[in-house]
Amino acid sequence: MAEDHPFAMCAYIHTDTIAIEADVDCYFWVRHADEQSAGKHLTGHILPVEEFYRCFYAVFRMIESSAEAPVARREFARAAYWNRLLTFDLVTEFRRKRDVEDAELSLETARSIAEEFGASAASPALSPKARFMLLLLTNGDLELLRVGLSALR
């Protein structure tokens, strides 16, 4: 549930070369069709809102504190991470079946992170899907966000 994001981003920022072993299965994501079995596995578990966003804060703070890394690399990493969050992690988050209070807290937390860590400044480097999600997010209307997400399917 994003616990690997801070480590991976730190590695990306502090190296010139990354090797990917594409021929080896090393991660399995399980999507369950029924809600009863979904809650029994980590990939189907819904974390409390504060816990869900904890790793995102850690990544952006790590990027900011990596003064020894070149500025261009930090900016590229910030934009790449916003692309990831806006096209996958946050899309998935707002499709979760949270109660209204938690969904609104999640939206407000995501908006706060976007404002604090410069999502709009990364906009030129974002994919069209990410820019659309950012627009929905910054609007702050949970129902509009959910309607917009249905268009992303």
Protein backbone atom coordinates (compact mmCIF):
# COMPACT_ATOMS: atom_id res chain seq x y z
CA MET A 1 0.00 0.00 0.00
CA ALA A 2 2.69 2.47 -1.16
CA GLU A 3 5.16 1.50 1.56
CA ASP A 4 7.79 0.97 -1.15
CA HIS A 5 7.37 4.44 -2.68
CA PRO A 6 9.84 6.33 -0.41
CA PHE A 7 12.58 3.72 -0.90
CA ALA A 8 12.08 3.47 -4.66
CA MET A 9 11.98 7.23 -5.21
CA CYS A 10 15.08 7.70 -3.08
CA ALA A 11 16.89 5.15 -5.24
CA TYR A 12 15.70 6.86 -8.45
CA ILE A 13 16.85 10.29 -7.31
CA HIS A 14 20.28 9.19 -6.15
CA THR A 15 21.45 7.15 -9.12
CA ASP A 16 22.17 7.65 -12.79
CA THR A 17 21.26 4.10 -13.84
CA ILE A 18 18.51 1.69 -12.88
CA ALA A 19 18.28 -1.88 -14.14
CA ILE A 20 14.92 -3.56 -14.46
CA GLU A 21 14.62 -7.34 -14.51
CA ALA A 22 11.51 -7.69 -16.66
CA ASP A 23 11.62 -11.47 -17.07
CA VAL A 24 11.08 -12.29 -13.40
CA ASP A 25 7.74 -12.11 -11.63
CA CYS A 26 8.41 -10.39 -8.33
CA TYR A 27 5.11 -8.73 -7.50
CA PHE A 28 1.60 -10.03 -7.57
CA TRP A 29 -1.41 -7.77 -7.31
CA VAL A 30 -4.63 -9.51 -6.40
CA ARG A 31 -7.97 -8.00 -7.30
CA HIS A 32 -10.92 -9.77 -5.72
CA ALA A 33 -14.35 -9.86 -7.32
CA ASP A 34 -16.25 -10.09 -4.05
CA GLU A 35 -15.93 -7.78 -1.07
CA GLN A 36 -15.87 -10.59 1.47
CA SER A 37 -12.55 -12.00 0.27
CA ALA A 38 -11.11 -8.56 -0.64
CA GLY A 39 -10.78 -7.48 3.00
CA LYS A 40 -8.66 -10.55 3.83
CA HIS A 41 -5.74 -9.56 1.58
CA LEU A 42 -3.55 -6.47 1.67
CA THR A 43 -4.37 -5.46 -1.91
CA GLY A 44 -8.07 -5.44 -1.07
CA HIS A 45 -7.74 -3.85 2.36
CA ILE A 46 -8.86 -0.24 2.80
CA LEU A 47 -6.39 1.64 4.99
CA PRO A 48 -7.48 4.52 7.22
CA VAL A 49 -7.17 7.80 5.28
CA GLU A 50 -4.21 9.13 7.30
CA GLU A 51 -2.29 5.89 6.83
CA PHE A 52 -3.04 5.78 3.10
CA TYR A 53 -1.40 9.18 2.52
CA ARG A 54 1.54 8.72 4.91
CA CYS A 55 3.94 7.37 2.25
CA PHE A 56 3.03 10.09 -0.26
CA TYR A 57 4.08 12.77 2.24
CA ALA A 58 7.29 10.84 2.89
CA VAL A 59 8.16 10.73 -0.82
CA PHE A 60 7.63 14.44 -1.41
CA ARG A 61 9.56 15.37 1.74
CA MET A 62 12.41 13.07 0.66
CA ILE A 63 12.50 14.73 -2.78
CA GLU A 64 12.65 18.18 -1.14
CA SER A 65 15.40 17.15 1.26
CA SER A 66 17.62 15.57 -1.42
CA ALA A 67 19.68 18.71 -1.94
CA GLU A 68 22.66 16.67 -3.21
CA ALA A 69 20.62 15.40 -6.17
CA PRO A 70 20.53 17.64 -9.26
CA VAL A 71 17.56 20.02 -9.36
CA ALA A 72 16.48 18.75 -12.79
CA ARG A 73 16.36 15.19 -11.47
CA ARG A 74 14.32 16.24 -8.42
CA GLU A 75 11.85 18.12 -10.62
CA PHE A 76 11.58 15.18 -13.00
CA ALA A 77 10.99 12.83 -10.05
CA ARG A 78 8.31 15.14 -8.61
CA ALA A 79 6.47 15.29 -11.95
CA ALA A 80 6.82 11.53 -12.51
CA TYR A 81 5.46 10.84 -9.03
CA TRP A 82 2.51 13.18 -9.60
CA ASN A 83 1.79 11.30 -12.83
CA ARG A 84 1.79 8.04 -10.88
CA LEU A 85 -0.43 9.35 -8.09
CA LEU A 86 -2.90 11.08 -10.38
CA THR A 87 -3.29 8.22 -12.84
CA PHE A 88 -3.21 5.26 -10.48
CA ASP A 89 -3.03 5.68 -6.70
CA LEU A 90 -5.55 8.51 -6.32
CA VAL A 91 -7.86 7.11 -9.00
CA THR A 92 -7.90 3.83 -7.08
CA GLU A 93 -8.39 5.64 -3.77
CA PHE A 94 -11.47 7.52 -4.94
CA ARG A 95 -13.02 4.36 -6.34
CA ARG A 96 -12.80 2.67 -2.93
CA LYS A 97 -16.00 2.20 -0.98
CA ARG A 98 -15.34 4.61 1.88
CA ASP A 99 -18.11 6.21 3.89
CA VAL A 100 -18.84 9.82 2.93
CA GLU A 101 -16.93 11.31 5.86
CA ASP A 102 -13.76 9.35 5.06
CA ALA A 103 -14.10 10.02 1.32
CA GLU A 104 -14.32 13.77 2.00
CA LEU A 105 -11.31 13.56 4.36
CA SER A 106 -9.41 11.70 1.64
CA LEU A 107 -10.29 14.36 -0.93
CA GLU A 108 -9.24 17.18 1.39
CA THR A 109 -5.96 15.38 2.22
CA ALA A 110 -5.20 14.80 -1.46
CA ARG A 111 -5.96 18.44 -2.26
CA SER A 112 -3.69 19.56 0.58
CA ILE A 113 -0.82 17.38 -0.68
CA ALA A 114 -1.33 18.70 -4.23
CA GLU A 115 -1.14 22.28 -2.99
CA GLU A 116 1.78 21.74 -0.60
CA PHE A 117 3.90 19.74 -3.05
CA GLY A 118 3.28 21.58 -6.29
CA ALA A 119 1.05 19.35 -8.40
CA SER A 120 -0.07 22.30 -10.52
CA ALA A 121 3.57 23.32 -11.11
CA ALA A 122 4.18 19.83 -12.51
CA SER A 123 1.17 20.15 -14.83
CA PRO A 124 3.13 20.71 -18.08
CA ALA A 125 4.84 17.34 -17.55
CA LEU A 126 1.64 15.48 -16.66
CA SER A 127 -0.22 13.13 -18.95
CA PRO A 128 -3.69 14.22 -20.13
CA LYS A 129 -5.29 11.71 -17.73
CA ALA A 130 -3.22 13.10 -14.82
CA ARG A 131 -4.15 16.71 -15.71
CA PHE A 132 -7.83 15.71 -15.82
CA MET A 133 -7.56 14.03 -12.42
CA LEU A 134 -5.76 17.08 -11.01
CA LEU A 135 -8.56 19.31 -12.27
CA LEU A 136 -11.16 17.07 -10.60
CA LEU A 137 -9.10 16.97 -7.41
CA THR A 138 -8.53 20.71 -7.13
CA ASN A 139 -12.22 21.39 -7.78
CA GLY A 140 -12.92 19.80 -4.40
CA ASP A 141 -16.35 18.40 -5.24
CA LEU A 142 -16.54 14.72 -4.28
CA GLU A 143 -19.53 13.95 -6.49
CA LEU A 144 -17.96 15.65 -9.51
CA LEU A 145 -14.76 13.71 -8.83
CA ARG A 146 -16.67 10.42 -8.81
CA VAL A 147 -18.51 11.29 -12.04
CA GLY A 148 -15.21 12.28 -13.66
CA LEU A 149 -13.60 9.02 -12.56
CA SER A 150 -16.33 7.06 -14.29
CA ALA A 151 -15.22 8.77 -17.53
CA LEU A 152 -11.66 7.46 -16.99
CA ARG A 153 -12.64 3.79 -17.21
